[in-house]
Amino acid sequence: MSFDWLNKFHKDMEKPADYAEKTLAQYRLGMKAKGSIAGVAIVVDEDGCEACQALPAAAVYHPDEAPHLPLPECSKGRNCRCVYRPVMTYQKNDD
């Protein structure tokens, strides 16, 4: 993945209450600006809770439709290590 440096970013910190809203808004703006962002994926932590592990692994969401992290039923709450990642148009073309 081209964004390997992102794998640790936001994972080891408590998520602010507005993590989902702010992060998804940034990706939404990138899409609206006709950038290279095709959507949003959720990278589930290998030690993620059952709720997070149940998310579809290859799902790409529009930011308006992405589940909000942390998930309401996440047992780790704001310490959830699952994160949003952009899916770029060139990545979708490779699939």
PDB file of N, CA and C in Angstrom:
ATOM      1  N   MET A   1       0.853  -1.186   0.000  1.00  0.00           N
ATOM      2  CA  MET A   1       0.000   0.000   0.000  1.00  0.00           C
ATOM      3  C   MET A   1       0.891   1.240   0.000  1.00  0.00           C
ATOM      4  N   SER A   2       0.507   2.215  -0.733  1.00  0.00           N
ATOM      5  CA  SER A   2       1.292   3.434  -0.861  1.00  0.00           C
ATOM      6  C   SER A   2       1.317   4.254   0.418  1.00  0.00           C
ATOM      7  N   PHE A   3       0.444   3.990   1.327  1.00  0.00           N
ATOM      8  CA  PHE A   3       0.335   4.797   2.536  1.00  0.00           C
ATOM      9  C   PHE A   3       0.783   4.022   3.767  1.00  0.00           C
ATOM     10  N   ASP A   4       1.860   3.247   3.629  1.00  0.00           N
ATOM     11  CA  ASP A   4       2.339   2.450   4.759  1.00  0.00           C
ATOM     12  C   ASP A   4       2.659   3.301   5.982  1.00  0.00           C
ATOM     13  N   TRP A   5       3.148   4.514   5.772  1.00  0.00           N
ATOM     14  CA  TRP A   5       3.469   5.396   6.898  1.00  0.00           C
ATOM     15  C   TRP A   5       2.231   5.720   7.722  1.00  0.00           C
ATOM     16  N   LEU A   6       1.054   5.601   7.092  1.00  0.00           N
ATOM     17  CA  LEU A   6      -0.188   5.893   7.811  1.00  0.00           C
ATOM     18  C   LEU A   6      -0.588   4.768   8.762  1.00  0.00           C
ATOM     19  N   ASN A   7      -0.009   3.602   8.588  1.00  0.00           N
ATOM     20  CA  ASN A   7      -0.445   2.463   9.390  1.00  0.00           C
ATOM     21  C   ASN A   7      -0.310   2.697  10.892  1.00  0.00           C
ATOM     22  N   LYS A   8       0.662   3.491  11.303  1.00  0.00           N
ATOM     23  CA  LYS A   8       0.833   3.765  12.730  1.00  0.00           C
ATOM     24  C   LYS A   8       0.195   5.074  13.153  1.00  0.00           C
ATOM     25  N   PHE A   9      -0.108   5.921  12.188  1.00  0.00           N
ATOM     26  CA  PHE A   9      -0.670   7.230  12.476  1.00  0.00           C
ATOM     27  C   PHE A   9      -2.088   7.081  13.017  1.00  0.00           C
ATOM     28  N   HIS A  10      -2.387   7.670  14.119  1.00  0.00           N
ATOM     29  CA  HIS A  10      -3.677   7.650  14.816  1.00  0.00           C
ATOM     30  C   HIS A  10      -3.963   6.344  15.527  1.00  0.00           C
ATOM     31  N   LYS A  11      -3.163   5.317  15.319  1.00  0.00           N
ATOM     32  CA  LYS A  11      -3.475   4.041  15.952  1.00  0.00           C
ATOM     33  C   LYS A  11      -3.159   4.025  17.442  1.00  0.00           C
ATOM     34  N   ASP A  12      -2.131   4.713  17.838  1.00  0.00           N
ATOM     35  CA  ASP A  12      -1.683   4.624  19.223  1.00  0.00           C
ATOM     36  C   ASP A  12      -2.141   5.787  20.090  1.00  0.00           C
ATOM     37  N   MET A  13      -3.102   6.536  19.621  1.00  0.00           N
ATOM     38  CA  MET A  13      -3.595   7.671  20.405  1.00  0.00           C
ATOM     39  C   MET A  13      -5.108   7.530  20.605  1.00  0.00           C
ATOM     40  N   GLU A  14      -5.553   8.092  21.690  1.00  0.00           N
ATOM     41  CA  GLU A  14      -6.998   8.102  21.926  1.00  0.00           C
ATOM     42  C   GLU A  14      -7.644   9.000  20.873  1.00  0.00           C
ATOM     43  N   LYS A  15      -8.708   8.506  20.277  1.00  0.00           N
ATOM     44  CA  LYS A  15      -9.384   9.287  19.250  1.00  0.00           C
ATOM     45  C   LYS A  15     -10.186  10.420  19.889  1.00  0.00           C
ATOM     46  N   PRO A  16     -10.096  11.609  19.320  1.00  0.00           N
ATOM     47  CA  PRO A  16     -10.951  12.687  19.825  1.00  0.00           C
ATOM     48  C   PRO A  16     -12.411  12.354  19.519  1.00  0.00           C
ATOM     49  N   ALA A  17     -13.309  12.951  20.234  1.00  0.00           N
ATOM     50  CA  ALA A  17     -14.739  12.666  20.054  1.00  0.00           C
ATOM     51  C   ALA A  17     -15.202  12.932  18.631  1.00  0.00           C
ATOM     52  N   ASP A  18     -14.543  13.863  17.938  1.00  0.00           N
ATOM     53  CA  ASP A  18     -14.953  14.198  16.575  1.00  0.00           C
ATOM     54  C   ASP A  18     -14.043  13.584  15.503  1.00  0.00           C
ATOM     55  N   TYR A  19     -13.338  12.518  15.835  1.00  0.00           N
ATOM     56  CA  TYR A  19     -12.422  11.869  14.894  1.00  0.00           C
ATOM     57  C   TYR A  19     -13.109  11.522  13.577  1.00  0.00           C
ATOM     58  N   ALA A  20     -14.229  10.826  13.648  1.00  0.00           N
ATOM     59  CA  ALA A  20     -14.914  10.395  12.425  1.00  0.00           C
ATOM     60  C   ALA A  20     -15.354  11.596  11.602  1.00  0.00           C
ATOM     61  N   GLU A  21     -15.992  12.553  12.225  1.00  0.00           N
ATOM     62  CA  GLU A  21     -16.513  13.713  11.496  1.00  0.00           C
ATOM     63  C   GLU A  21     -15.394  14.478  10.793  1.00  0.00           C
ATOM     64  N   LYS A  22     -14.321  14.765  11.515  1.00  0.00           N
ATOM     65  CA  LYS A  22     -13.228  15.544  10.925  1.00  0.00           C
ATOM     66  C   LYS A  22     -12.493  14.773   9.830  1.00  0.00           C
ATOM     67  N   THR A  23     -12.202  13.514  10.091  1.00  0.00           N
ATOM     68  CA  THR A  23     -11.455  12.726   9.117  1.00  0.00           C
ATOM     69  C   THR A  23     -12.272  12.507   7.851  1.00  0.00           C
ATOM     70  N   LEU A  24     -13.528  12.136   8.012  1.00  0.00           N
ATOM     71  CA  LEU A  24     -14.371  11.910   6.838  1.00  0.00           C
ATOM     72  C   LEU A  24     -14.610  13.207   6.069  1.00  0.00           C
ATOM     73  N   ALA A  25     -14.704  14.329   6.765  1.00  0.00           N
ATOM     74  CA  ALA A  25     -14.877  15.622   6.089  1.00  0.00           C
ATOM     75  C   ALA A  25     -13.664  15.932   5.218  1.00  0.00           C
ATOM     76  N   GLN A  26     -12.474  15.610   5.695  1.00  0.00           N
ATOM     77  CA  GLN A  26     -11.267  15.848   4.901  1.00  0.00           C
ATOM     78  C   GLN A  26     -11.264  14.999   3.634  1.00  0.00           C
ATOM     79  N   TYR A  27     -11.634  13.741   3.754  1.00  0.00           N
ATOM     80  CA  TYR A  27     -11.691  12.882   2.570  1.00  0.00           C
ATOM     81  C   TYR A  27     -12.799  13.334   1.624  1.00  0.00           C
ATOM     82  N   ARG A  28     -13.913  13.775   2.190  1.00  0.00           N
ATOM     83  CA  ARG A  28     -15.017  14.289   1.369  1.00  0.00           C
ATOM     84  C   ARG A  28     -14.556  15.489   0.542  1.00  0.00           C
ATOM     85  N   LEU A  29     -13.808  16.402   1.169  1.00  0.00           N
ATOM     86  CA  LEU A  29     -13.281  17.564   0.446  1.00  0.00           C
ATOM     87  C   LEU A  29     -12.328  17.146  -0.664  1.00  0.00           C
ATOM     88  N   GLY A  30     -11.495  16.161  -0.398  1.00  0.00           N
ATOM     89  CA  GLY A  30     -10.581  15.658  -1.421  1.00  0.00           C
ATOM     90  C   GLY A  30     -11.319  15.088  -2.610  1.00  0.00           C
ATOM     91  N   MET A  31     -12.420  14.421  -2.360  1.00  0.00           N
ATOM     92  CA  MET A  31     -13.221  13.872  -3.457  1.00  0.00           C
ATOM     93  C   MET A  31     -13.932  14.989  -4.213  1.00  0.00           C
ATOM     94  N   LYS A  32     -14.461  15.940  -3.478  1.00  0.00           N
ATOM     95  CA  LYS A  32     -15.190  17.057  -4.097  1.00  0.00           C
ATOM     96  C   LYS A  32     -14.267  17.897  -4.976  1.00  0.00           C
ATOM     97  N   ALA A  33     -13.009  18.003  -4.605  1.00  0.00           N
ATOM     98  CA  ALA A  33     -12.030  18.779  -5.368  1.00  0.00           C
ATOM     99  C   ALA A  33     -11.534  18.008  -6.592  1.00  0.00           C
ATOM    100  N   LYS A  34     -12.135  16.875  -6.856  1.00  0.00           N
ATOM    101  CA  LYS A  34     -11.764  16.032  -8.000  1.00  0.00           C
ATOM    102  C   LYS A  34     -10.320  15.542  -7.887  1.00  0.00           C
ATOM    103  N   GLY A  35      -9.924  15.276  -6.656  1.00  0.00           N
ATOM    104  CA  GLY A  35      -8.596  14.740  -6.418  1.00  0.00           C
ATOM    105  C   GLY A  35      -8.547  13.258  -6.746  1.00  0.00           C
ATOM    106  N   SER A  36      -7.552  12.594  -6.244  1.00  0.00           N
ATOM    107  CA  SER A  36      -7.350  11.178  -6.542  1.00  0.00           C
ATOM    108  C   SER A  36      -8.004  10.244  -5.531  1.00  0.00           C
ATOM    109  N   ILE A  37      -8.737  10.798  -4.574  1.00  0.00           N
ATOM    110  CA  ILE A  37      -9.381   9.960  -3.559  1.00  0.00           C
ATOM    111  C   ILE A  37     -10.675   9.397  -4.125  1.00  0.00           C
ATOM    112  N   ALA A  38     -10.759   8.067  -4.141  1.00  0.00           N
ATOM    113  CA  ALA A  38     -11.941   7.386  -4.663  1.00  0.00           C
ATOM    114  C   ALA A  38     -12.918   7.021  -3.553  1.00  0.00           C
ATOM    115  N   GLY A  39     -12.451   6.982  -2.326  1.00  0.00           N
ATOM    116  CA  GLY A  39     -13.298   6.602  -1.208  1.00  0.00           C
ATOM    117  C   GLY A  39     -12.466   6.404   0.041  1.00  0.00           C
ATOM    118  N   VAL A  40     -13.068   5.760   1.019  1.00  0.00           N
ATOM    119  CA  VAL A  40     -12.454   5.563   2.326  1.00  0.00           C
ATOM    120  C   VAL A  40     -12.546   4.089   2.697  1.00  0.00           C
ATOM    121  N   ALA A  41     -11.452   3.561   3.197  1.00  0.00           N
ATOM    122  CA  ALA A  41     -11.440   2.202   3.736  1.00  0.00           C
ATOM    123  C   ALA A  41     -11.232   2.292   5.241  1.00  0.00           C
ATOM    124  N   ILE A  42     -11.624   1.256   5.926  1.00  0.00           N
ATOM    125  CA  ILE A  42     -11.363   1.159   7.360  1.00  0.00           C
ATOM    126  C   ILE A  42     -10.343   0.050   7.552  1.00  0.00           C
ATOM    127  N   VAL A  43      -9.208   0.423   8.140  1.00  0.00           N
ATOM    128  CA  VAL A  43      -8.180  -0.564   8.453  1.00  0.00           C
ATOM    129  C   VAL A  43      -8.450  -1.041   9.868  1.00  0.00           C
ATOM    130  N   VAL A  44      -8.818  -2.299   9.962  1.00  0.00           N
ATOM    131  CA  VAL A  44      -9.167  -2.897  11.253  1.00  0.00           C
ATOM    132  C   VAL A  44      -7.899  -3.404  11.914  1.00  0.00           C
ATOM    133  N   ASP A  45      -7.701  -3.014  13.152  1.00  0.00           N
ATOM    134  CA  ASP A  45      -6.537  -3.455  13.910  1.00  0.00           C
ATOM    135  C   ASP A  45      -6.585  -4.965  14.107  1.00  0.00           C
ATOM    136  N   GLU A  46      -5.416  -5.591  14.045  1.00  0.00           N
ATOM    137  CA  GLU A  46      -5.370  -7.049  14.203  1.00  0.00           C
ATOM    138  C   GLU A  46      -5.913  -7.510  15.551  1.00  0.00           C
ATOM    139  N   ASP A  47      -5.857  -6.651  16.560  1.00  0.00           N
ATOM    140  CA  ASP A  47      -6.419  -6.974  17.872  1.00  0.00           C
ATOM    141  C   ASP A  47      -7.757  -6.274  18.088  1.00  0.00           C
ATOM    142  N   GLY A  48      -8.390  -5.898  16.987  1.00  0.00           N
ATOM    143  CA  GLY A  48      -9.660  -5.179  17.076  1.00  0.00           C
ATOM    144  C   GLY A  48     -10.756  -6.023  17.701  1.00  0.00           C
ATOM    145  N   CYS A  49     -11.747  -5.333  18.218  1.00  0.00           N
ATOM    146  CA  CYS A  49     -12.861  -6.024  18.871  1.00  0.00           C
ATOM    147  C   CYS A  49     -13.726  -6.747  17.831  1.00  0.00           C
ATOM    148  N   GLU A  50     -14.651  -7.515  18.318  1.00  0.00           N
ATOM    149  CA  GLU A  50     -15.528  -8.304  17.459  1.00  0.00           C
ATOM    150  C   GLU A  50     -16.324  -7.427  16.489  1.00  0.00           C
ATOM    151  N   ALA A  51     -16.780  -6.273  16.959  1.00  0.00           N
ATOM    152  CA  ALA A  51     -17.557  -5.371  16.102  1.00  0.00           C
ATOM    153  C   ALA A  51     -16.723  -4.892  14.920  1.00  0.00           C
ATOM    154  N   CYS A  52     -15.490  -4.531  15.182  1.00  0.00           N
ATOM    155  CA  CYS A  52     -14.609  -4.058  14.109  1.00  0.00           C
ATOM    156  C   CYS A  52     -14.223  -5.194  13.169  1.00  0.00           C
ATOM    157  N   GLN A  53     -13.942  -6.347  13.727  1.00  0.00           N
ATOM    158  CA  GLN A  53     -13.569  -7.499  12.900  1.00  0.00           C
ATOM    159  C   GLN A  53     -14.708  -7.914  11.966  1.00  0.00           C
ATOM    160  N   ALA A  54     -15.936  -7.583  12.314  1.00  0.00           N
ATOM    161  CA  ALA A  54     -17.094  -7.952  11.492  1.00  0.00           C
ATOM    162  C   ALA A  54     -17.271  -7.033  10.273  1.00  0.00           C
ATOM    163  N   LEU A  55     -16.528  -5.931  10.209  1.00  0.00           N
ATOM    164  CA  LEU A  55     -16.633  -5.036   9.055  1.00  0.00           C
ATOM    165  C   LEU A  55     -16.088  -5.731   7.809  1.00  0.00           C
ATOM    166  N   PRO A  56     -16.697  -5.494   6.640  1.00  0.00           N
ATOM    167  CA  PRO A  56     -16.192  -6.113   5.413  1.00  0.00           C
ATOM    168  C   PRO A  56     -14.769  -5.644   5.118  1.00  0.00           C
ATOM    169  N   ALA A  57     -13.859  -6.572   4.910  1.00  0.00           N
ATOM    170  CA  ALA A  57     -12.435  -6.262   4.778  1.00  0.00           C
ATOM    171  C   ALA A  57     -12.114  -5.390   3.567  1.00  0.00           C
ATOM    172  N   ALA A  58     -12.754  -5.600   2.463  1.00  0.00           N
ATOM    173  CA  ALA A  58     -12.397  -4.881   1.230  1.00  0.00           C
ATOM    174  C   ALA A  58     -13.350  -3.728   0.916  1.00  0.00           C
ATOM    175  N   ALA A  59     -14.167  -3.353   1.868  1.00  0.00           N
ATOM    176  CA  ALA A  59     -15.169  -2.313   1.607  1.00  0.00           C
ATOM    177  C   ALA A  59     -14.522  -0.956   1.380  1.00  0.00           C
ATOM    178  N   VAL A  60     -15.034  -0.246   0.379  1.00  0.00           N
ATOM    179  CA  VAL A  60     -14.648   1.138   0.120  1.00  0.00           C
ATOM    180  C   VAL A  60     -15.920   1.957   0.239  1.00  0.00           C
ATOM    181  N   TYR A  61     -15.897   2.935   1.118  1.00  0.00           N
ATOM    182  CA  TYR A  61     -17.080   3.733   1.423  1.00  0.00           C
ATOM    183  C   TYR A  61     -16.938   5.145   0.878  1.00  0.00           C
ATOM    184  N   HIS A  62     -18.054   5.730   0.524  1.00  0.00           N
ATOM    185  CA  HIS A  62     -18.081   7.176   0.329  1.00  0.00           C
ATOM    186  C   HIS A  62     -18.044   7.743   1.743  1.00  0.00           C
ATOM    187  N   PRO A  63     -17.359   8.863   1.971  1.00  0.00           N
ATOM    188  CA  PRO A  63     -17.279   9.390   3.336  1.00  0.00           C
ATOM    189  C   PRO A  63     -18.631   9.634   4.000  1.00  0.00           C
ATOM    190  N   ASP A  64     -19.664   9.909   3.210  1.00  0.00           N
ATOM    191  CA  ASP A  64     -20.997  10.113   3.789  1.00  0.00           C
ATOM    192  C   ASP A  64     -21.624   8.820   4.292  1.00  0.00           C
ATOM    193  N   GLU A  65     -21.109   7.678   3.844  1.00  0.00           N
ATOM    194  CA  GLU A  65     -21.716   6.384   4.169  1.00  0.00           C
ATOM    195  C   GLU A  65     -20.827   5.502   5.032  1.00  0.00           C
ATOM    196  N   ALA A  66     -19.639   5.959   5.356  1.00  0.00           N
ATOM    197  CA  ALA A  66     -18.705   5.148   6.146  1.00  0.00           C
ATOM    198  C   ALA A  66     -19.175   5.034   7.595  1.00  0.00           C
ATOM    199  N   PRO A  67     -19.012   3.863   8.194  1.00  0.00           N
ATOM    200  CA  PRO A  67     -19.316   3.734   9.622  1.00  0.00           C
ATOM    201  C   PRO A  67     -18.437   4.683  10.425  1.00  0.00           C
ATOM    202  N   HIS A  68     -18.990   5.246  11.477  1.00  0.00           N
ATOM    203  CA  HIS A  68     -18.224   6.176  12.311  1.00  0.00           C
ATOM    204  C   HIS A  68     -17.403   5.412  13.329  1.00  0.00           C
ATOM    205  N   LEU A  69     -16.110   5.730  13.342  1.00  0.00           N
ATOM    206  CA  LEU A  69     -15.192   5.133  14.302  1.00  0.00           C
ATOM    207  C   LEU A  69     -15.029   6.050  15.500  1.00  0.00           C
ATOM    208  N   PRO A  70     -14.917   5.482  16.676  1.00  0.00           N
ATOM    209  CA  PRO A  70     -15.085   4.068  16.964  1.00  0.00           C
ATOM    210  C   PRO A  70     -16.542   3.650  16.806  1.00  0.00           C
ATOM    211  N   LEU A  71     -16.721   2.410  16.420  1.00  0.00           N
ATOM    212  CA  LEU A  71     -18.081   1.891  16.279  1.00  0.00           C
ATOM    213  C   LEU A  71     -18.791   1.943  17.628  1.00  0.00           C
ATOM    214  N   PRO A  72     -20.098   2.177  17.626  1.00  0.00           N
ATOM    215  CA  PRO A  72     -20.815   2.267  18.903  1.00  0.00           C
ATOM    216  C   PRO A  72     -20.644   1.031  19.785  1.00  0.00           C
ATOM    217  N   GLU A  73     -20.510  -0.142  19.163  1.00  0.00           N
ATOM    218  CA  GLU A  73     -20.388  -1.373  19.943  1.00  0.00           C
ATOM    219  C   GLU A  73     -18.929  -1.803  20.165  1.00  0.00           C
ATOM    220  N   CYS A  74     -17.981  -0.935  19.808  1.00  0.00           N
ATOM    221  CA  CYS A  74     -16.563  -1.254  19.992  1.00  0.00           C
ATOM    222  C   CYS A  74     -16.237  -1.310  21.487  1.00  0.00           C
ATOM    223  N   SER A  75     -15.625  -2.380  21.895  1.00  0.00           N
ATOM    224  CA  SER A  75     -15.298  -2.567  23.314  1.00  0.00           C
ATOM    225  C   SER A  75     -14.119  -1.692  23.756  1.00  0.00           C
ATOM    226  N   LYS A  76     -13.371  -1.137  22.817  1.00  0.00           N
ATOM    227  CA  LYS A  76     -12.220  -0.308  23.165  1.00  0.00           C
ATOM    228  C   LYS A  76     -12.542   1.177  23.176  1.00  0.00           C
ATOM    229  N   GLY A  77     -13.744   1.534  22.759  1.00  0.00           N
ATOM    230  CA  GLY A  77     -14.168   2.932  22.783  1.00  0.00           C
ATOM    231  C   GLY A  77     -13.216   3.825  22.005  1.00  0.00           C
ATOM    232  N   ARG A  78     -12.872   4.972  22.565  1.00  0.00           N
ATOM    233  CA  ARG A  78     -12.008   5.928  21.866  1.00  0.00           C
ATOM    234  C   ARG A  78     -10.557   5.462  21.785  1.00  0.00           C
ATOM    235  N   ASN A  79     -10.244   4.341  22.407  1.00  0.00           N
ATOM    236  CA  ASN A  79      -8.918   3.733  22.269  1.00  0.00           C
ATOM    237  C   ASN A  79      -8.879   2.704  21.148  1.00  0.00           C
ATOM    238  N   CYS A  80      -9.929   2.660  20.367  1.00  0.00           N
ATOM    239  CA  CYS A  80      -9.992   1.774  19.205  1.00  0.00           C
ATOM    240  C   CYS A  80      -8.812   2.093  18.294  1.00  0.00           C
ATOM    241  N   ARG A  81      -8.149   1.065  17.799  1.00  0.00           N
ATOM    242  CA  ARG A  81      -6.982   1.266  16.936  1.00  0.00           C
ATOM    243  C   ARG A  81      -7.331   1.123  15.457  1.00  0.00           C
ATOM    244  N   CYS A  82      -8.589   1.006  15.136  1.00  0.00           N
ATOM    245  CA  CYS A  82      -9.019   0.963  13.743  1.00  0.00           C
ATOM    246  C   CYS A  82      -9.032   2.396  13.213  1.00  0.00           C
ATOM    247  N   VAL A  83      -8.676   2.562  11.959  1.00  0.00           N
ATOM    248  CA  VAL A  83      -8.528   3.900  11.398  1.00  0.00           C
ATOM    249  C   VAL A  83      -9.080   3.961   9.975  1.00  0.00           C
ATOM    250  N   TYR A  84      -9.377   5.182   9.544  1.00  0.00           N
ATOM    251  CA  TYR A  84      -9.754   5.432   8.154  1.00  0.00           C
ATOM    252  C   TYR A  84      -8.498   5.610   7.324  1.00  0.00           C
ATOM    253  N   ARG A  85      -8.568   5.167   6.086  1.00  0.00           N
ATOM    254  CA  ARG A  85      -7.501   5.385   5.124  1.00  0.00           C
ATOM    255  C   ARG A  85      -8.120   5.731   3.779  1.00  0.00           C
ATOM    256  N   PRO A  86      -7.482   6.642   3.041  1.00  0.00           N
ATOM    257  CA  PRO A  86      -8.005   6.964   1.720  1.00  0.00           C
ATOM    258  C   PRO A  86      -7.766   5.811   0.758  1.00  0.00           C
ATOM    259  N   VAL A  87      -8.689   5.619  -0.142  1.00  0.00           N
ATOM    260  CA  VAL A  87      -8.503   4.695  -1.259  1.00  0.00           C
ATOM    261  C   VAL A  87      -8.367   5.576  -2.487  1.00  0.00           C
ATOM    262  N   MET A  88      -7.241   5.456  -3.153  1.00  0.00           N
ATOM    263  CA  MET A  88      -6.944   6.307  -4.289  1.00  0.00           C
ATOM    264  C   MET A  88      -7.504   5.697  -5.575  1.00  0.00           C
ATOM    265  N   THR A  89      -7.780   6.551  -6.542  1.00  0.00           N
ATOM    266  CA  THR A  89      -8.346   6.071  -7.803  1.00  0.00           C
ATOM    267  C   THR A  89      -7.436   5.033  -8.457  1.00  0.00           C
ATOM    268  N   TYR A  90      -6.137   5.214  -8.386  1.00  0.00           N
ATOM    269  CA  TYR A  90      -5.233   4.247  -9.019  1.00  0.00           C
ATOM    270  C   TYR A  90      -5.270   2.902  -8.299  1.00  0.00           C
ATOM    271  N   GLN A  91      -5.599   2.887  -7.013  1.00  0.00           N
ATOM    272  CA  GLN A  91      -5.726   1.626  -6.288  1.00  0.00           C
ATOM    273  C   GLN A  91      -6.978   0.885  -6.730  1.00  0.00           C
ATOM    274  N   LYS A  92      -8.054   1.604  -6.953  1.00  0.00           N
ATOM    275  CA  LYS A  92      -9.300   0.977  -7.405  1.00  0.00           C
ATOM    276  C   LYS A  92      -9.129   0.399  -8.793  1.00  0.00           C
ATOM    277  N   ASN A  93      -8.320   1.049  -9.641  1.00  0.00           N
ATOM    278  CA  ASN A  93      -8.088   0.551 -10.996  1.00  0.00           C
ATOM    279  C   ASN A  93      -7.239  -0.703 -11.000  1.00  0.00           C
ATOM    280  N   ASP A  94      -6.429  -0.890  -9.934  1.00  0.00           N
ATOM    281  CA  ASP A  94      -5.582  -2.073  -9.836  1.00  0.00           C
ATOM    282  C   ASP A  94      -6.361  -3.305  -9.417  1.00  0.00           C
ATOM    283  N   ASP A  95      -7.534  -3.111  -8.831  1.00  0.00           N
ATOM    284  CA  ASP A  95      -8.319  -4.251  -8.313  1.00  0.00           C
ATOM    285  C   ASP A  95      -8.970  -5.047  -9.425  1.00  0.00           C
TER     286      ASP A  95
END
